[in-house]
């Protein structure tokens, strides 16, 4: 069973990791999902400025980012003169990107999530997401340039406490 952000924050400390899954759906029928873990970074001072606590991929690998329009042939080649591969599976694990994510943990019901397309020249955009049950949900720009908007959904699971 998933956890909401408040449950997670009540149980984690510096450098703990939280499992995350992010799903998107665009009005052109392309969906994506990213899986991996986010690292907790507590509030810190940088000179005279404060940096908000956050959950982030920084200091670790980006999330594995899969797309429904990247197909994988799952059948052997057809007979000569046939119609090719009749069964193609979306979300090819042979064609993934890397996604950077950072959630600012300011005391608000709305969380600003920054996405960094690590495989696409580090392009970034931010989305305001709201808590809905154990999920965060929001709308923002689509990935790629085939449409303008997408819905984003984030779920959280398990906390990993590294040895201290």
Protein backbone atom coordinates (compact mmCIF):
# COMPACT_ATOMS: atom_id res chain seq x y z
CA UNK A 1 0.00 0.00 0.00
CA UNK A 2 1.24 3.45 -0.87
CA UNK A 3 1.98 6.23 1.56
CA UNK A 4 1.08 9.89 1.47
CA UNK A 5 3.73 12.57 1.67
CA UNK A 6 2.96 13.43 5.32
CA UNK A 7 3.43 9.78 6.37
CA UNK A 8 6.74 9.66 4.55
CA UNK A 9 8.02 12.92 6.02
CA UNK A 10 7.20 11.77 9.55
CA UNK A 11 9.46 8.72 9.12
CA UNK A 12 12.49 9.86 7.13
CA UNK A 13 15.82 11.47 7.85
CA UNK A 14 18.67 12.94 5.85
CA UNK A 15 19.64 10.79 2.81
CA UNK A 16 16.81 8.28 3.30
CA UNK A 17 15.23 7.17 0.02
CA UNK A 18 11.57 6.93 -0.97
CA UNK A 19 10.19 4.82 -3.81
CA UNK A 20 8.28 6.86 -6.39
CA UNK A 21 6.27 6.18 -9.54
CA UNK A 22 5.23 9.00 -11.87
CA UNK A 23 2.63 8.51 -14.61
CA UNK A 24 1.65 10.96 -17.35
CA UNK A 25 -1.16 10.95 -19.90
CA UNK A 26 -1.33 13.33 -22.85
CA UNK A 27 -4.35 14.16 -25.00
CA UNK A 28 -2.59 12.63 -28.04
CA UNK A 29 -2.72 9.17 -26.42
CA UNK A 30 0.94 9.01 -25.39
CA UNK A 31 1.51 7.95 -21.81
CA UNK A 32 4.72 7.67 -19.83
CA UNK A 33 5.88 6.43 -16.48
CA UNK A 34 9.01 6.81 -14.43
CA UNK A 35 10.14 4.67 -11.50
CA UNK A 36 12.96 4.80 -8.99
CA UNK A 37 13.72 6.55 -5.74
CA UNK A 38 14.02 10.07 -4.39
CA UNK A 39 16.53 11.09 -1.71
CA UNK A 40 15.47 13.24 1.24
CA UNK A 41 17.50 16.41 1.84
CA UNK A 42 16.67 18.41 4.98
CA UNK A 43 16.42 22.21 5.14
CA UNK A 44 19.87 23.76 4.85
CA UNK A 45 21.51 27.15 4.91
CA UNK A 46 23.59 28.22 1.93
CA UNK A 47 25.32 31.37 3.10
CA UNK A 48 22.58 33.76 4.24
CA UNK A 49 19.88 31.87 2.29
CA UNK A 50 17.83 28.85 3.26
CA UNK A 51 17.18 25.92 0.95
CA UNK A 52 13.86 24.15 1.51
CA UNK A 53 13.74 20.50 2.45
CA UNK A 54 13.17 18.38 -0.64
CA UNK A 55 12.86 14.91 -2.10
CA UNK A 56 15.10 14.72 -5.13
CA UNK A 57 17.03 12.51 -7.53
CA UNK A 58 20.07 14.76 -7.04
CA UNK A 59 22.94 12.85 -5.56
CA UNK A 60 21.62 9.68 -7.21
CA UNK A 61 20.57 8.40 -10.60
CA UNK A 62 17.63 9.78 -12.50
CA UNK A 63 14.42 7.78 -12.64
CA UNK A 64 13.95 5.26 -15.46
CA UNK A 65 11.50 6.97 -17.86
CA UNK A 66 9.36 4.83 -20.22
CA UNK A 67 7.05 5.95 -23.07
CA UNK A 68 4.05 4.23 -24.68
CA UNK A 69 5.09 5.25 -28.21
CA UNK A 70 8.39 3.37 -27.94
CA UNK A 71 7.50 -0.10 -29.12
CA UNK A 72 9.23 -3.44 -28.69
CA UNK A 73 8.70 -6.36 -31.09
CA UNK A 74 7.71 -9.36 -28.98
CA UNK A 75 7.26 -11.90 -31.81
CA UNK A 76 9.90 -13.45 -34.02
CA UNK A 77 10.08 -12.12 -37.59
CA UNK A 78 7.15 -13.14 -39.79
CA UNK A 79 7.27 -15.28 -42.90
CA UNK A 80 8.90 -13.75 -45.97
CA UNK A 81 6.32 -11.66 -47.79
CA UNK A 82 4.19 -11.43 -44.62
CA UNK A 83 3.05 -8.34 -42.76
CA UNK A 84 5.99 -8.07 -40.34
CA UNK A 85 5.62 -8.16 -36.60
CA UNK A 86 1.96 -8.28 -35.57
CA UNK A 87 2.60 -7.88 -31.85
CA UNK A 88 4.43 -4.84 -30.60
CA UNK A 89 4.48 -3.94 -26.94
CA UNK A 90 4.56 -0.30 -25.77
CA UNK A 91 6.95 1.01 -23.09
CA UNK A 92 10.07 -0.65 -24.49
CA UNK A 93 12.66 -1.27 -21.77
CA UNK A 94 15.27 -1.04 -24.54
CA UNK A 95 14.48 2.62 -25.13
CA UNK A 96 14.24 4.51 -21.84
CA UNK A 97 15.28 8.00 -20.84
CA UNK A 98 16.37 9.40 -17.47
CA UNK A 99 14.21 11.85 -15.52
CA UNK A 100 15.37 14.11 -12.71
CA UNK A 101 12.76 15.09 -10.10
CA UNK A 102 12.78 17.47 -7.14
CA UNK A 103 9.83 18.14 -4.82
CA UNK A 104 10.13 21.26 -2.65
CA UNK A 105 8.71 20.45 0.77
CA UNK A 106 7.43 23.87 1.75
CA UNK A 107 4.52 23.87 4.26
CA UNK A 108 1.68 24.01 1.76
CA UNK A 109 -0.94 21.60 0.41
CA UNK A 110 0.39 22.40 -3.09
CA UNK A 111 3.82 21.00 -3.90
CA UNK A 112 5.99 22.36 -6.71
CA UNK A 113 7.67 19.51 -8.57
CA UNK A 114 10.59 20.27 -10.87
CA UNK A 115 11.18 17.82 -13.71
CA UNK A 116 14.51 17.64 -15.56
CA UNK A 117 14.68 15.67 -18.80
CA UNK A 118 18.21 14.36 -18.27
CA UNK A 119 18.34 12.54 -21.62
CA UNK A 120 17.05 15.60 -23.51
CA UNK A 121 19.74 18.18 -22.72
CA UNK A 122 18.55 18.77 -19.12
CA UNK A 123 15.42 20.69 -20.18
CA UNK A 124 13.41 21.60 -17.05
CA UNK A 125 9.86 22.57 -16.17
CA UNK A 126 7.88 22.79 -12.93
CA UNK A 127 4.33 21.76 -12.09
CA UNK A 128 2.17 22.62 -9.08
CA UNK A 129 0.72 19.38 -7.76
CA UNK A 130 -2.00 18.86 -5.18
CA UNK A 131 -2.48 16.07 -2.70
CA UNK A 132 -5.33 13.68 -3.51
CA UNK A 133 -5.52 10.82 -1.00
CA UNK A 134 -2.01 9.23 -1.13
CA UNK A 135 -1.19 10.80 -4.51
CA UNK A 136 0.06 14.07 -5.95
CA UNK A 137 -1.70 15.17 -9.14
CA UNK A 138 -1.28 18.12 -11.48
CA UNK A 139 -1.35 19.30 -15.08
CA UNK A 140 1.51 20.77 -17.02
CA UNK A 141 3.38 20.74 -20.31
CA UNK A 142 3.53 17.58 -22.37
CA UNK A 143 6.77 15.69 -22.90
CA UNK A 144 7.89 16.35 -26.48
CA UNK A 145 6.20 18.67 -28.93
CA UNK A 146 3.26 16.65 -30.26
CA UNK A 147 0.69 18.28 -27.95
CA UNK A 148 0.58 20.99 -25.30
CA UNK A 149 -0.65 19.47 -22.02
CA UNK A 150 -0.43 16.38 -19.84
CA UNK A 151 -1.76 15.12 -16.52
CA UNK A 152 0.89 14.07 -13.98
CA UNK A 153 0.33 11.65 -11.11
CA UNK A 154 2.84 10.65 -8.42
CA UNK A 155 2.64 7.80 -5.93
CA UNK A 156 5.06 6.93 -3.14
CA UNK A 157 6.10 3.63 -1.57
CA UNK A 158 8.60 2.22 0.88
CA UNK A 159 11.32 4.12 2.72
CA UNK A 160 14.90 2.90 2.58
CA UNK A 161 17.04 3.90 5.57
CA UNK A 162 20.72 3.64 4.60
CA UNK A 163 23.18 2.49 7.28
CA UNK A 164 24.22 5.39 9.48
